[in-house]
C-alpha atoms as a PDB file:
ATOM      1  CA  UNK A   1       1.085 -18.090  -2.762  1.00  0.00           C
ATOM      2  CA  UNK A   2       0.322 -21.779  -2.480  1.00  0.00           C
ATOM      3  CA  UNK A   3       1.177 -22.197   1.179  1.00  0.00           C
ATOM      4  CA  UNK A   4      -1.156 -21.796   4.141  1.00  0.00           C
ATOM      5  CA  UNK A   5      -1.177 -18.388   5.808  1.00  0.00           C
ATOM      6  CA  UNK A   6       0.799 -17.996   8.994  1.00  0.00           C
ATOM      7  CA  UNK A   7      -0.595 -15.635  11.644  1.00  0.00           C
ATOM      8  CA  UNK A   8       2.068 -12.977  11.084  1.00  0.00           C
ATOM      9  CA  UNK A   9       1.490 -13.025   7.345  1.00  0.00           C
ATOM     10  CA  UNK A  10      -2.288 -12.993   7.824  1.00  0.00           C
ATOM     11  CA  UNK A  11      -2.138  -9.955  10.101  1.00  0.00           C
ATOM     12  CA  UNK A  12       0.157  -8.153   7.662  1.00  0.00           C
ATOM     13  CA  UNK A  13      -2.168  -8.961   4.772  1.00  0.00           C
ATOM     14  CA  UNK A  14      -5.181  -7.655   6.700  1.00  0.00           C
ATOM     15  CA  UNK A  15      -3.350  -4.494   7.787  1.00  0.00           C
ATOM     16  CA  UNK A  16      -2.111  -3.770   4.248  1.00  0.00           C
ATOM     17  CA  UNK A  17      -5.578  -4.351   2.769  1.00  0.00           C
ATOM     18  CA  UNK A  18      -7.107  -2.011   5.352  1.00  0.00           C
ATOM     19  CA  UNK A  19      -4.454   0.608   4.544  1.00  0.00           C
ATOM     20  CA  UNK A  20      -5.455   0.374   0.875  1.00  0.00           C
ATOM     21  CA  UNK A  21      -9.097   0.758   1.929  1.00  0.00           C
ATOM     22  CA  UNK A  22      -8.222   3.861   3.957  1.00  0.00           C
ATOM     23  CA  UNK A  23      -6.320   5.437   1.063  1.00  0.00           C
ATOM     24  CA  UNK A  24      -9.121   4.785  -1.409  1.00  0.00           C
ATOM     25  CA  UNK A  25     -11.703   6.105   1.079  1.00  0.00           C
ATOM     26  CA  UNK A  26      -9.718   9.337   1.201  1.00  0.00           C
ATOM     27  CA  UNK A  27      -9.608   9.469  -2.616  1.00  0.00           C
ATOM     28  CA  UNK A  28     -13.389   9.001  -2.778  1.00  0.00           C
ATOM     29  CA  UNK A  29     -13.947  11.681  -0.127  1.00  0.00           C
ATOM     30  CA  UNK A  30     -11.997  14.077  -2.355  1.00  0.00           C
ATOM     31  CA  UNK A  31     -14.054  13.027  -5.388  1.00  0.00           C
ATOM     32  CA  UNK A  32     -17.528  12.846  -3.816  1.00  0.00           C
ATOM     33  CA  UNK A  33     -17.352  15.227  -0.871  1.00  0.00           C
ATOM     34  CA  UNK A  34     -20.607  15.110   1.078  1.00  0.00           C
ATOM     35  CA  UNK A  35     -22.498  13.622  -1.881  1.00  0.00           C
ATOM     36  CA  UNK A  36     -22.009   9.936  -1.189  1.00  0.00           C
ATOM     37  CA  UNK A  37     -22.660   7.222  -3.723  1.00  0.00           C
ATOM     38  CA  UNK A  38     -21.722   9.608  -6.534  1.00  0.00           C
ATOM     39  CA  UNK A  39     -24.808  11.749  -5.807  1.00  0.00           C
ATOM     40  CA  UNK A  40     -23.229  14.954  -7.140  1.00  0.00           C
ATOM     41  CA  UNK A  41     -20.987  13.505  -9.843  1.00  0.00           C
ATOM     42  CA  UNK A  42     -21.667  14.011 -13.560  1.00  0.00           C
ATOM     43  CA  UNK A  43     -22.446  10.340 -14.159  1.00  0.00           C
ATOM     44  CA  UNK A  44     -25.409   8.270 -15.270  1.00  0.00           C
ATOM     45  CA  UNK A  45     -27.576   6.556 -12.638  1.00  0.00           C
ATOM     46  CA  UNK A  46     -30.027   3.685 -12.619  1.00  0.00           C
ATOM     47  CA  UNK A  47     -32.108   4.234  -9.498  1.00  0.00           C
ATOM     48  CA  UNK A  48     -34.713   1.485  -9.744  1.00  0.00           C
ATOM     49  CA  UNK A  49     -34.307  -2.037 -11.045  1.00  0.00           C
ATOM     50  CA  UNK A  50     -35.027  -5.341  -9.338  1.00  0.00           C
ATOM     51  CA  UNK A  51     -31.437  -6.526  -9.882  1.00  0.00           C
ATOM     52  CA  UNK A  52     -30.101  -3.602  -7.835  1.00  0.00           C
ATOM     53  CA  UNK A  53     -31.625  -5.039  -4.676  1.00  0.00           C
ATOM     54  CA  UNK A  54     -30.012  -8.421  -5.332  1.00  0.00           C
ATOM     55  CA  UNK A  55     -26.543  -7.343  -6.436  1.00  0.00           C
ATOM     56  CA  UNK A  56     -26.134  -3.769  -5.253  1.00  0.00           C
ATOM     57  CA  UNK A  57     -27.807  -3.701  -1.846  1.00  0.00           C
ATOM     58  CA  UNK A  58     -30.650  -1.578  -3.211  1.00  0.00           C
ATOM     59  CA  UNK A  59     -28.291   1.249  -4.146  1.00  0.00           C
ATOM     60  CA  UNK A  60     -28.311   2.983  -7.509  1.00  0.00           C
ATOM     61  CA  UNK A  61     -25.966   1.790 -10.213  1.00  0.00           C
ATOM     62  CA  UNK A  62     -23.848   4.708 -11.388  1.00  0.00           C
ATOM     63  CA  UNK A  63     -21.389   5.135 -14.211  1.00  0.00           C
ATOM     64  CA  UNK A  64     -18.735   5.960 -11.618  1.00  0.00           C
ATOM     65  CA  UNK A  65     -19.267   2.680  -9.761  1.00  0.00           C
ATOM     66  CA  UNK A  66     -19.642   0.700 -12.995  1.00  0.00           C
ATOM     67  CA  UNK A  67     -16.046   1.673 -13.822  1.00  0.00           C
ATOM     68  CA  UNK A  68     -14.389   1.858 -10.399  1.00  0.00           C
ATOM     69  CA  UNK A  69     -15.476  -1.616  -9.202  1.00  0.00           C
ATOM     70  CA  UNK A  70     -13.969  -3.589 -12.118  1.00  0.00           C
ATOM     71  CA  UNK A  71     -10.892  -1.341 -12.047  1.00  0.00           C
ATOM     72  CA  UNK A  72     -10.211  -2.239  -8.399  1.00  0.00           C
ATOM     73  CA  UNK A  73     -11.006  -5.921  -9.060  1.00  0.00           C
ATOM     74  CA  UNK A  74      -8.491  -6.032 -11.905  1.00  0.00           C
ATOM     75  CA  UNK A  75      -5.941  -4.108  -9.850  1.00  0.00           C
ATOM     76  CA  UNK A  76      -6.219  -6.749  -7.125  1.00  0.00           C
ATOM     77  CA  UNK A  77      -5.584  -9.432  -9.764  1.00  0.00           C
ATOM     78  CA  UNK A  78      -2.538  -7.654 -11.236  1.00  0.00           C
ATOM     79  CA  UNK A  79      -0.019  -9.714  -9.187  1.00  0.00           C
ATOM     80  CA  UNK A  80      -1.321 -12.868 -10.935  1.00  0.00           C
ATOM     81  CA  UNK A  81      -0.784 -11.315 -14.346  1.00  0.00           C
ATOM     82  CA  UNK A  82       2.592  -9.879 -13.363  1.00  0.00           C
ATOM     83  CA  UNK A  83       3.914 -13.141 -11.903  1.00  0.00           C
ATOM     84  CA  UNK A  84       2.221 -15.445 -14.392  1.00  0.00           C
ATOM     85  CA  UNK A  85       0.994 -17.643 -11.545  1.00  0.00           C
ATOM     86  CA  UNK A  86      -2.460 -18.402 -10.225  1.00  0.00           C
ATOM     87  CA  UNK A  87      -4.040 -20.894  -7.835  1.00  0.00           C
ATOM     88  CA  UNK A  88      -7.402 -21.414  -6.178  1.00  0.00           C
ATOM     89  CA  UNK A  89      -5.767 -20.828  -2.797  1.00  0.00           C
ATOM     90  CA  UNK A  90      -4.393 -17.471  -3.910  1.00  0.00           C
ATOM     91  CA  UNK A  91      -7.716 -16.539  -5.551  1.00  0.00           C
ATOM     92  CA  UNK A  92      -9.597 -17.250  -2.307  1.00  0.00           C
ATOM     93  CA  UNK A  93      -7.085 -15.150  -0.394  1.00  0.00           C
ATOM     94  CA  UNK A  94      -7.452 -12.344  -2.951  1.00  0.00           C
ATOM     95  CA  UNK A  95     -11.270 -12.448  -2.808  1.00  0.00           C
ATOM     96  CA  UNK A  96     -11.144 -12.256   0.990  1.00  0.00           C
ATOM     97  CA  UNK A  97      -8.893  -9.199   0.745  1.00  0.00           C
ATOM     98  CA  UNK A  98     -11.172  -7.697  -1.904  1.00  0.00           C
ATOM     99  CA  UNK A  99     -14.164  -8.012   0.432  1.00  0.00           C
ATOM    100  CA  UNK A 100     -12.182  -6.567   3.324  1.00  0.00           C
ATOM    101  CA  UNK A 101     -10.995  -3.706   1.121  1.00  0.00           C
ATOM    102  CA  UNK A 102     -14.520  -2.595   0.150  1.00  0.00           C
ATOM    103  CA  UNK A 103     -15.905  -3.010   3.662  1.00  0.00           C
ATOM    104  CA  UNK A 104     -13.025  -1.004   5.135  1.00  0.00           C
ATOM    105  CA  UNK A 105     -13.159   1.613   2.393  1.00  0.00           C
ATOM    106  CA  UNK A 106     -16.875   2.185   2.779  1.00  0.00           C
ATOM    107  CA  UNK A 107     -16.772   2.418   6.584  1.00  0.00           C
ATOM    108  CA  UNK A 108     -13.764   4.751   6.563  1.00  0.00           C
ATOM    109  CA  UNK A 109     -15.433   6.939   3.945  1.00  0.00           C
ATOM    110  CA  UNK A 110     -17.983   7.814   6.640  1.00  0.00           C
ATOM    111  CA  UNK A 111     -15.533   7.978   9.543  1.00  0.00           C
ATOM    112  CA  UNK A 112     -13.043  10.235   7.722  1.00  0.00           C
ATOM    113  CA  UNK A 113     -15.535  12.344   5.773  1.00  0.00           C
ATOM    114  CA  UNK A 114     -16.022  15.736   7.475  1.00  0.00           C
ATOM    115  CA  UNK A 115     -19.638  15.766   6.245  1.00  0.00           C
ATOM    116  CA  UNK A 116     -20.437  12.529   8.139  1.00  0.00           C
ATOM    117  CA  UNK A 117     -18.337  11.054  10.931  1.00  0.00           C
ATOM    118  CA  UNK A 118     -19.406   8.299  13.311  1.00  0.00           C
ATOM    119  CA  UNK A 119     -22.335  10.310  14.698  1.00  0.00           C
ATOM    120  CA  UNK A 120     -24.109  10.138  11.308  1.00  0.00           C
ATOM    121  CA  UNK A 121     -23.181   6.510  10.685  1.00  0.00           C
ATOM    122  CA  UNK A 122     -26.666   5.005  10.976  1.00  0.00           C
ATOM    123  CA  UNK A 123     -29.614   4.028   8.781  1.00  0.00           C
ATOM    124  CA  UNK A 124     -31.250   7.448   9.225  1.00  0.00           C
ATOM    125  CA  UNK A 125     -28.085   9.319   8.207  1.00  0.00           C
ATOM    126  CA  UNK A 126     -27.153   7.249   5.147  1.00  0.00           C
ATOM    127  CA  UNK A 127     -29.897   7.014   2.549  1.00  0.00           C
ATOM    128  CA  UNK A 128     -28.015   4.820   0.055  1.00  0.00           C
ATOM    129  CA  UNK A 129     -27.374   1.962   2.504  1.00  0.00           C
ATOM    130  CA  UNK A 130     -30.910   0.610   2.476  1.00  0.00           C
ATOM    131  CA  UNK A 131     -30.457  -2.615   4.474  1.00  0.00           C
ATOM    132  CA  UNK A 132     -29.014  -2.643   7.999  1.00  0.00           C
ATOM    133  CA  UNK A 133     -28.478  -5.359  10.574  1.00  0.00           C
ATOM    134  CA  UNK A 134     -27.740  -3.809  13.935  1.00  0.00           C
ATOM    135  CA  UNK A 135     -25.218  -0.997  13.746  1.00  0.00           C
ATOM    136  CA  UNK A 136     -23.858  -1.859  10.275  1.00  0.00           C
ATOM    137  CA  UNK A 137     -25.219  -2.116   6.734  1.00  0.00           C
ATOM    138  CA  UNK A 138     -25.810  -5.746   5.758  1.00  0.00           C
ATOM    139  CA  UNK A 139     -23.065  -5.383   3.104  1.00  0.00           C
ATOM    140  CA  UNK A 140     -20.507  -5.146   5.891  1.00  0.00           C
ATOM    141  CA  UNK A 141     -21.694  -8.374   7.519  1.00  0.00           C
ATOM    142  CA  UNK A 142     -21.554 -10.165   4.160  1.00  0.00           C
ATOM    143  CA  UNK A 143     -18.100  -8.694   3.494  1.00  0.00           C
ATOM    144  CA  UNK A 144     -16.686  -9.905   6.806  1.00  0.00           C
ATOM    145  CA  UNK A 145     -18.356 -13.316   6.445  1.00  0.00           C
ATOM    146  CA  UNK A 146     -16.940 -13.582   2.918  1.00  0.00           C
ATOM    147  CA  UNK A 147     -13.497 -12.645   4.198  1.00  0.00           C
ATOM    148  CA  UNK A 148     -13.632 -15.384   6.841  1.00  0.00           C
ATOM    149  CA  UNK A 149     -14.875 -17.997   4.366  1.00  0.00           C
ATOM    150  CA  UNK A 150     -12.263 -17.090   1.753  1.00  0.00           C
ATOM    151  CA  UNK A 151      -9.376 -17.026   4.236  1.00  0.00           C
ATOM    152  CA  UNK A 152     -10.539 -20.353   5.674  1.00  0.00           C
ATOM    153  CA  UNK A 153     -10.667 -21.888   2.197  1.00  0.00           C
ATOM    154  CA  UNK A 154      -7.259 -20.458   1.336  1.00  0.00           C
ATOM    155  CA  UNK A 155      -5.765 -22.039   4.432  1.00  0.00           C
ATOM    156  CA  UNK A 156      -7.068 -25.568   3.923  1.00  0.00           C
ATOM    157  CA  UNK A 157      -4.448 -28.243   3.316  1.00  0.00           C
ATOM    158  CA  UNK A 158      -4.090 -28.867  -0.391  1.00  0.00           C
ATOM    159  CA  UNK A 159      -4.826 -32.307  -1.787  1.00  0.00           C
ATOM    160  CA  UNK A 160      -1.815 -33.674  -3.547  1.00  0.00           C
ATOM    161  CA  UNK A 161      -1.751 -36.937  -5.525  1.00  0.00           C
END
C-alpha cells in the first residue's frame, strides 16, 4: 500500500471500484425504484437548510443517506482495520476510489434504472441534482477532480529521511 501505483494496478483498481459502484447502483434501484433520492422510502427528510447546498449539492438529507454514506465510508476503510496498517498514500488512494465509487454509482443508477435511462439523464429529468455543469451534475465533476487529485497525491514519491 505504500508504493506508487503502476498502470496495470491503477486500471484494475479503477475497474474494481466501478464494479462496486455498479453493484451498489443495482441495490439502490431495487430499494428506491423510480423514487430517486429516497423519495418514496419511509425515512426522515430535511429538505431546506443552508448547509445542504454546501455539503449535499442542494439535495435533501434523508435518514437513508445519513446511514448509507458512513456505512460505505467505513466499509472502504475496513482493509486498514483488518490489516492493521495505514498510510497517507493509501488514504489518498482510498479517498480517490471513494469518490469514483459514488460518481459511478450515481450515474449508473440512472443508466440502469428502467424508470430513467440516458434519455432522462438531464437537469430537467432529475429534480434532486440541482447544480449542473454541461451534461453532468457538478458533483460528478468534483468527484472526478477529487479522484485525480487523490491518485496524484498517492503516487508522489515519499520523502524518506
